[in-house]
Amino acid sequence: MTTKKQRSQLLNFNRIFIYFFALLGLFFDYTWAYVLSLTLWVWLSVFIFYECRLIESYQTYLTKHPFHKK
């Protein structure tokens, strides 16, 4: 289960990602950057949901298959 801190960090990371692509599109006139930042902004809640699911499955995997056996 992801914590509130992890969700907050994911949200902030995604906001930085959106901001980066918006600036990239603004300063370098890349249309694809505008489209990507708009898509990320519109689907932000869905992306966070899937990122949390990915983190949870990875944490489950690590508890079942540790890298270093004792």
PDB file of N, CA and C in Angstrom:
ATOM      1  N   MET A   1       0.842  -1.180   0.000  1.00  0.00           N
ATOM      2  CA  MET A   1       0.000   0.000   0.000  1.00  0.00           C
ATOM      3  C   MET A   1       0.888   1.244   0.000  1.00  0.00           C
ATOM      4  N   THR A   2       0.550   2.163  -0.853  1.00  0.00           N
ATOM      5  CA  THR A   2       1.344   3.387  -0.921  1.00  0.00           C
ATOM      6  C   THR A   2       0.891   4.362   0.158  1.00  0.00           C
ATOM      7  N   THR A   3       1.835   5.091   0.658  1.00  0.00           N
ATOM      8  CA  THR A   3       1.529   6.052   1.712  1.00  0.00           C
ATOM      9  C   THR A   3       1.137   7.394   1.106  1.00  0.00           C
ATOM     10  N   LYS A   4       0.647   8.272   1.968  1.00  0.00           N
ATOM     11  CA  LYS A   4       0.290   9.613   1.507  1.00  0.00           C
ATOM     12  C   LYS A   4       1.517  10.368   1.024  1.00  0.00           C
ATOM     13  N   LYS A   5       2.639  10.115   1.671  1.00  0.00           N
ATOM     14  CA  LYS A   5       3.881  10.776   1.273  1.00  0.00           C
ATOM     15  C   LYS A   5       4.286  10.335  -0.132  1.00  0.00           C
ATOM     16  N   GLN A   6       4.161   9.039  -0.430  1.00  0.00           N
ATOM     17  CA  GLN A   6       4.503   8.549  -1.759  1.00  0.00           C
ATOM     18  C   GLN A   6       3.560   9.130  -2.816  1.00  0.00           C
ATOM     19  N   ARG A   7       2.275   9.189  -2.503  1.00  0.00           N
ATOM     20  CA  ARG A   7       1.312   9.778  -3.445  1.00  0.00           C
ATOM     21  C   ARG A   7       1.613  11.246  -3.678  1.00  0.00           C
ATOM     22  N   SER A   8       1.977  11.947  -2.631  1.00  0.00           N
ATOM     23  CA  SER A   8       2.322  13.356  -2.761  1.00  0.00           C
ATOM     24  C   SER A   8       3.567  13.527  -3.614  1.00  0.00           C
ATOM     25  N   GLN A   9       4.552  12.675  -3.415  1.00  0.00           N
ATOM     26  CA  GLN A   9       5.763  12.743  -4.216  1.00  0.00           C
ATOM     27  C   GLN A   9       5.480  12.428  -5.682  1.00  0.00           C
ATOM     28  N   LEU A  10       4.609  11.447  -5.932  1.00  0.00           N
ATOM     29  CA  LEU A  10       4.228  11.131  -7.308  1.00  0.00           C
ATOM     30  C   LEU A  10       3.522  12.303  -7.967  1.00  0.00           C
ATOM     31  N   LEU A  11       2.629  12.942  -7.232  1.00  0.00           N
ATOM     32  CA  LEU A  11       1.908  14.088  -7.763  1.00  0.00           C
ATOM     33  C   LEU A  11       2.871  15.220  -8.105  1.00  0.00           C
ATOM     34  N   ASN A  12       3.806  15.498  -7.207  1.00  0.00           N
ATOM     35  CA  ASN A  12       4.783  16.562  -7.461  1.00  0.00           C
ATOM     36  C   ASN A  12       5.699  16.218  -8.630  1.00  0.00           C
ATOM     37  N   PHE A  13       6.116  14.959  -8.727  1.00  0.00           N
ATOM     38  CA  PHE A  13       6.946  14.534  -9.843  1.00  0.00           C
ATOM     39  C   PHE A  13       6.189  14.686 -11.166  1.00  0.00           C
ATOM     40  N   ASN A  14       4.938  14.290 -11.183  1.00  0.00           N
ATOM     41  CA  ASN A  14       4.148  14.413 -12.404  1.00  0.00           C
ATOM     42  C   ASN A  14       3.908  15.877 -12.767  1.00  0.00           C
ATOM     43  N   ARG A  15       3.730  16.723 -11.779  1.00  0.00           N
ATOM     44  CA  ARG A  15       3.572  18.155 -12.052  1.00  0.00           C
ATOM     45  C   ARG A  15       4.847  18.737 -12.659  1.00  0.00           C
ATOM     46  N   ILE A  16       5.998  18.338 -12.148  1.00  0.00           N
ATOM     47  CA  ILE A  16       7.273  18.797 -12.703  1.00  0.00           C
ATOM     48  C   ILE A  16       7.427  18.314 -14.142  1.00  0.00           C
ATOM     49  N   PHE A  17       7.040  17.083 -14.384  1.00  0.00           N
ATOM     50  CA  PHE A  17       7.102  16.502 -15.721  1.00  0.00           C
ATOM     51  C   PHE A  17       6.221  17.292 -16.694  1.00  0.00           C
ATOM     52  N   ILE A  18       4.998  17.609 -16.278  1.00  0.00           N
ATOM     53  CA  ILE A  18       4.073  18.389 -17.101  1.00  0.00           C
ATOM     54  C   ILE A  18       4.641  19.781 -17.355  1.00  0.00           C
ATOM     55  N   TYR A  19       5.152  20.412 -16.318  1.00  0.00           N
ATOM     56  CA  TYR A  19       5.727  21.749 -16.441  1.00  0.00           C
ATOM     57  C   TYR A  19       6.918  21.748 -17.398  1.00  0.00           C
ATOM     58  N   PHE A  20       7.763  20.725 -17.302  1.00  0.00           N
ATOM     59  CA  PHE A  20       8.919  20.615 -18.180  1.00  0.00           C
ATOM     60  C   PHE A  20       8.496  20.536 -19.643  1.00  0.00           C
ATOM     61  N   PHE A  21       7.521  19.687 -19.943  1.00  0.00           N
ATOM     62  CA  PHE A  21       7.092  19.558 -21.329  1.00  0.00           C
ATOM     63  C   PHE A  21       6.370  20.802 -21.831  1.00  0.00           C
ATOM     64  N   ALA A  22       5.652  21.481 -20.953  1.00  0.00           N
ATOM     65  CA  ALA A  22       5.009  22.737 -21.363  1.00  0.00           C
ATOM     66  C   ALA A  22       6.058  23.797 -21.694  1.00  0.00           C
ATOM     67  N   LEU A  23       7.102  23.896 -20.876  1.00  0.00           N
ATOM     68  CA  LEU A  23       8.178  24.852 -21.165  1.00  0.00           C
ATOM     69  C   LEU A  23       8.956  24.475 -22.419  1.00  0.00           C
ATOM     70  N   LEU A  24       9.161  23.189 -22.598  1.00  0.00           N
ATOM     71  CA  LEU A  24       9.844  22.722 -23.796  1.00  0.00           C
ATOM     72  C   LEU A  24       9.056  23.113 -25.040  1.00  0.00           C
ATOM     73  N   GLY A  25       7.755  22.929 -24.995  1.00  0.00           N
ATOM     74  CA  GLY A  25       6.916  23.323 -26.120  1.00  0.00           C
ATOM     75  C   GLY A  25       6.879  24.827 -26.311  1.00  0.00           C
ATOM     76  N   LEU A  26       6.910  25.575 -25.226  1.00  0.00           N
ATOM     77  CA  LEU A  26       6.849  27.024 -25.312  1.00  0.00           C
ATOM     78  C   LEU A  26       8.126  27.624 -25.900  1.00  0.00           C
ATOM     79  N   PHE A  27       9.272  27.228 -25.385  1.00  0.00           N
ATOM     80  CA  PHE A  27      10.520  27.839 -25.792  1.00  0.00           C
ATOM     81  C   PHE A  27      11.072  27.312 -27.118  1.00  0.00           C
ATOM     82  N   PHE A  28      10.805  26.050 -27.424  1.00  0.00           N
ATOM     83  CA  PHE A  28      11.365  25.469 -28.636  1.00  0.00           C
ATOM     84  C   PHE A  28      10.323  25.199 -29.705  1.00  0.00           C
ATOM     85  N   ASP A  29       9.090  25.598 -29.447  1.00  0.00           N
ATOM     86  CA  ASP A  29       7.988  25.469 -30.399  1.00  0.00           C
ATOM     87  C   ASP A  29       7.798  24.021 -30.857  1.00  0.00           C
ATOM     88  N   TYR A  30       7.808  23.113 -29.878  1.00  0.00           N
ATOM     89  CA  TYR A  30       7.544  21.704 -30.165  1.00  0.00           C
ATOM     90  C   TYR A  30       6.070  21.428 -29.890  1.00  0.00           C
ATOM     91  N   THR A  31       5.322  21.111 -30.912  1.00  0.00           N
ATOM     92  CA  THR A  31       3.898  20.838 -30.752  1.00  0.00           C
ATOM     93  C   THR A  31       3.666  19.565 -29.951  1.00  0.00           C
ATOM     94  N   TRP A  32       4.529  18.566 -30.155  1.00  0.00           N
ATOM     95  CA  TRP A  32       4.348  17.307 -29.451  1.00  0.00           C
ATOM     96  C   TRP A  32       4.515  17.491 -27.945  1.00  0.00           C
ATOM     97  N   ALA A  33       5.329  18.441 -27.528  1.00  0.00           N
ATOM     98  CA  ALA A  33       5.521  18.692 -26.095  1.00  0.00           C
ATOM     99  C   ALA A  33       4.254  19.284 -25.487  1.00  0.00           C
ATOM    100  N   TYR A  34       3.603  20.188 -26.229  1.00  0.00           N
ATOM    101  CA  TYR A  34       2.324  20.725 -25.749  1.00  0.00           C
ATOM    102  C   TYR A  34       1.286  19.616 -25.614  1.00  0.00           C
ATOM    103  N   VAL A  35       1.203  18.783 -26.633  1.00  0.00           N
ATOM    104  CA  VAL A  35       0.218  17.692 -26.625  1.00  0.00           C
ATOM    105  C   VAL A  35       0.506  16.727 -25.483  1.00  0.00           C
ATOM    106  N   LEU A  36       1.766  16.406 -25.273  1.00  0.00           N
ATOM    107  CA  LEU A  36       2.133  15.493 -24.189  1.00  0.00           C
ATOM    108  C   LEU A  36       1.823  16.090 -22.822  1.00  0.00           C
ATOM    109  N   SER A  37       2.148  17.367 -22.623  1.00  0.00           N
ATOM    110  CA  SER A  37       1.871  17.981 -21.318  1.00  0.00           C
ATOM    111  C   SER A  37       0.364  18.085 -21.075  1.00  0.00           C
ATOM    112  N   LEU A  38      -0.409  18.399 -22.102  1.00  0.00           N
ATOM    113  CA  LEU A  38      -1.863  18.457 -21.947  1.00  0.00           C
ATOM    114  C   LEU A  38      -2.441  17.080 -21.644  1.00  0.00           C
ATOM    115  N   THR A  39      -1.939  16.063 -22.328  1.00  0.00           N
ATOM    116  CA  THR A  39      -2.407  14.698 -22.078  1.00  0.00           C
ATOM    117  C   THR A  39      -2.084  14.265 -20.652  1.00  0.00           C
ATOM    118  N   LEU A  40      -0.873  14.548 -20.207  1.00  0.00           N
ATOM    119  CA  LEU A  40      -0.501  14.196 -18.835  1.00  0.00           C
ATOM    120  C   LEU A  40      -1.357  14.943 -17.814  1.00  0.00           C
ATOM    121  N   TRP A  41      -1.656  16.196 -18.095  1.00  0.00           N
ATOM    122  CA  TRP A  41      -2.464  16.981 -17.168  1.00  0.00           C
ATOM    123  C   TRP A  41      -3.892  16.447 -17.094  1.00  0.00           C
ATOM    124  N   VAL A  42      -4.459  16.103 -18.236  1.00  0.00           N
ATOM    125  CA  VAL A  42      -5.839  15.608 -18.261  1.00  0.00           C
ATOM    126  C   VAL A  42      -5.938  14.242 -17.587  1.00  0.00           C
ATOM    127  N   TRP A  43      -4.960  13.380 -17.808  1.00  0.00           N
ATOM    128  CA  TRP A  43      -4.998  12.017 -17.286  1.00  0.00           C
ATOM    129  C   TRP A  43      -4.177  11.856 -16.004  1.00  0.00           C
ATOM    130  N   LEU A  44      -3.926  12.940 -15.294  1.00  0.00           N
ATOM    131  CA  LEU A  44      -3.047  12.904 -14.124  1.00  0.00           C
ATOM    132  C   LEU A  44      -3.536  11.931 -13.052  1.00  0.00           C
ATOM    133  N   SER A  45      -4.806  11.950 -12.732  1.00  0.00           N
ATOM    134  CA  SER A  45      -5.307  11.060 -11.674  1.00  0.00           C
ATOM    135  C   SER A  45      -5.195   9.592 -12.073  1.00  0.00           C
ATOM    136  N   VAL A  46      -5.391   9.296 -13.341  1.00  0.00           N
ATOM    137  CA  VAL A  46      -5.254   7.912 -13.807  1.00  0.00           C
ATOM    138  C   VAL A  46      -3.800   7.471 -13.753  1.00  0.00           C
ATOM    139  N   PHE A  47      -2.900   8.357 -14.157  1.00  0.00           N
ATOM    140  CA  PHE A  47      -1.474   8.020 -14.098  1.00  0.00           C
ATOM    141  C   PHE A  47      -1.016   7.765 -12.668  1.00  0.00           C
ATOM    142  N   ILE A  48      -1.482   8.579 -11.741  1.00  0.00           N
ATOM    143  CA  ILE A  48      -1.098   8.389 -10.344  1.00  0.00           C
ATOM    144  C   ILE A  48      -1.632   7.056  -9.826  1.00  0.00           C
ATOM    145  N   PHE A  49      -2.854   6.712 -10.205  1.00  0.00           N
ATOM    146  CA  PHE A  49      -3.427   5.427  -9.798  1.00  0.00           C
ATOM    147  C   PHE A  49      -2.562   4.267 -10.289  1.00  0.00           C
ATOM    148  N   TYR A  50      -2.187   4.297 -11.560  1.00  0.00           N
ATOM    149  CA  TYR A  50      -1.382   3.205 -12.105  1.00  0.00           C
ATOM    150  C   TYR A  50       0.045   3.211 -11.549  1.00  0.00           C
ATOM    151  N   GLU A  51       0.591   4.366 -11.278  1.00  0.00           N
ATOM    152  CA  GLU A  51       1.912   4.420 -10.656  1.00  0.00           C
ATOM    153  C   GLU A  51       1.874   3.836  -9.248  1.00  0.00           C
ATOM    154  N   CYS A  52       0.823   4.110  -8.513  1.00  0.00           N
ATOM    155  CA  CYS A  52       0.685   3.533  -7.167  1.00  0.00           C
ATOM    156  C   CYS A  52       0.530   2.023  -7.243  1.00  0.00           C
ATOM    157  N   ARG A  53      -0.240   1.543  -8.210  1.00  0.00           N
ATOM    158  CA  ARG A  53      -0.380   0.093  -8.384  1.00  0.00           C
ATOM    159  C   ARG A  53       0.956  -0.545  -8.732  1.00  0.00           C
ATOM    160  N   LEU A  54       1.737   0.128  -9.563  1.00  0.00           N
ATOM    161  CA  LEU A  54       3.045  -0.382  -9.933  1.00  0.00           C
ATOM    162  C   LEU A  54       3.976  -0.431  -8.724  1.00  0.00           C
ATOM    163  N   ILE A  55       3.960   0.598  -7.902  1.00  0.00           N
ATOM    164  CA  ILE A  55       4.779   0.619  -6.690  1.00  0.00           C
ATOM    165  C   ILE A  55       4.362  -0.496  -5.740  1.00  0.00           C
ATOM    166  N   GLU A  56       3.054  -0.679  -5.573  1.00  0.00           N
ATOM    167  CA  GLU A  56       2.564  -1.732  -4.681  1.00  0.00           C
ATOM    168  C   GLU A  56       2.969  -3.115  -5.172  1.00  0.00           C
ATOM    169  N   SER A  57       2.867  -3.356  -6.477  1.00  0.00           N
ATOM    170  CA  SER A  57       3.252  -4.667  -6.992  1.00  0.00           C
ATOM    171  C   SER A  57       4.763  -4.883  -6.878  1.00  0.00           C
ATOM    172  N   TYR A  58       5.538  -3.820  -7.063  1.00  0.00           N
ATOM    173  CA  TYR A  58       6.987  -3.942  -6.908  1.00  0.00           C
ATOM    174  C   TYR A  58       7.365  -4.219  -5.455  1.00  0.00           C
ATOM    175  N   GLN A  59       6.694  -3.554  -4.512  1.00  0.00           N
ATOM    176  CA  GLN A  59       6.957  -3.813  -3.102  1.00  0.00           C
ATOM    177  C   GLN A  59       6.581  -5.247  -2.724  1.00  0.00           C
ATOM    178  N   THR A  60       5.494  -5.739  -3.277  1.00  0.00           N
ATOM    179  CA  THR A  60       5.096  -7.124  -3.034  1.00  0.00           C
ATOM    180  C   THR A  60       6.129  -8.085  -3.605  1.00  0.00           C
ATOM    181  N   TYR A  61       6.602  -7.787  -4.785  1.00  0.00           N
ATOM    182  CA  TYR A  61       7.630  -8.624  -5.404  1.00  0.00           C
ATOM    183  C   TYR A  61       8.899  -8.655  -4.549  1.00  0.00           C
ATOM    184  N   LEU A  62       9.293  -7.503  -4.032  1.00  0.00           N
ATOM    185  CA  LEU A  62      10.518  -7.451  -3.227  1.00  0.00           C
ATOM    186  C   LEU A  62      10.377  -8.221  -1.923  1.00  0.00           C
ATOM    187  N   THR A  63       9.188  -8.217  -1.334  1.00  0.00           N
ATOM    188  CA  THR A  63       9.022  -8.976  -0.091  1.00  0.00           C
ATOM    189  C   THR A  63       9.016 -10.475  -0.352  1.00  0.00           C
ATOM    190  N   LYS A  64       8.541 -10.895  -1.528  1.00  0.00           N
ATOM    191  CA  LYS A  64       8.511 -12.325  -1.840  1.00  0.00           C
ATOM    192  C   LYS A  64       9.828 -12.817  -2.417  1.00  0.00           C
ATOM    193  N   HIS A  65      10.564 -11.965  -3.109  1.00  0.00           N
ATOM    194  CA  HIS A  65      11.815 -12.340  -3.750  1.00  0.00           C
ATOM    195  C   HIS A  65      12.911 -11.343  -3.399  1.00  0.00           C
ATOM    196  N   PRO A  66      13.450 -11.449  -2.209  1.00  0.00           N
ATOM    197  CA  PRO A  66      14.508 -10.493  -1.831  1.00  0.00           C
ATOM    198  C   PRO A  66      15.765 -10.725  -2.662  1.00  0.00           C
ATOM    199  N   PHE A  67      16.495  -9.653  -2.869  1.00  0.00           N
ATOM    200  CA  PHE A  67      17.720  -9.744  -3.658  1.00  0.00           C
ATOM    201  C   PHE A  67      18.813 -10.495  -2.912  1.00  0.00           C
ATOM    202  N   HIS A  68      18.929 -10.251  -1.645  1.00  0.00           N
ATOM    203  CA  HIS A  68      19.979 -10.868  -0.851  1.00  0.00           C
ATOM    204  C   HIS A  68      19.364 -11.859   0.125  1.00  0.00           C
ATOM    205  N   LYS A  69      19.718 -13.114  -0.041  1.00  0.00           N
ATOM    206  CA  LYS A  69      19.216 -14.123   0.880  1.00  0.00           C
ATOM    207  C   LYS A  69      20.121 -14.192   2.098  1.00  0.00           C
ATOM    208  N   LYS A  70      19.521 -14.409   3.236  1.00  0.00           N
ATOM    209  CA  LYS A  70      20.294 -14.484   4.487  1.00  0.00           C
ATOM    210  C   LYS A  70      20.761 -15.877   4.736  1.00  0.00           C
TER     211      LYS A  70
END
